């Protein structure tokens, strides 16, 4: 290659080198975007949803504090409609929400109304007012006051404990979803008490825990209803075998 050829190649490389450096900084090797097409952004990670967090229920008493605006601190009960009245904010729908969701909602309302730009409130449940309903083969069926992270066994204990006729392997927990649909699960309380196998259920306000009868109790009830109370004779029969000997059963 002559002197002029070398000079020409050097000039071309001098022009191309900055462009190659710029491309190397913009697009990683092996993923250079096609001309006229936008690069596909990486998918955002799926949000983590805490399904075990306590959800506020009517009757709960909340304490709301503002670390930088103490004059806005407020405490009060949640009404039957799931709302709480907060000064300068109004009636806030908190029923069915976690405390973190309520804090974010209050902060957004204050920002929208121009009261505080970044309130960052802290929400705490001072007293739980929700109840769960326990029925079936328990000693004291009826409403049981809900506490945080209450499981079905704790609710049964709050209802006086199990009867001897309880079917502990198939206790039913019924929950009404926000859209009105019903969710039903079976829990094994015998495995929970005997082997320490957790039920994996934290009860929410208005949940129903139903303890059915055992199969033996059902059979005894059927005998009592269809034989003992319906047949017109006594179950005590006497047999005279002669000679004055009488056998009864």
Foldseek 3Di string as FASTA:
>chain_A
DDPVVVVVVVVVCVVCVVVVVVQCVPAPPPQRDDPPDDRDDDDDDDDDDDPQAAAAAFQWKKWKAFPVCRVQTDIGGQHNQQWDQGPPQGTDRRGRHGQVVSQVVSQVSCCVSVNDVGRRMGMDTPDAGFWEFEDEFADAGGTAGADRQDDLQNNSVSRVHGDPFWPQQFKKKWDQDPVGDIDIDGARVVCCVPVVDDRPDRDYGHMYIYTYTDPVVVVVVCCCVPPVPPDPDDPWDWDDPDPPDIDID
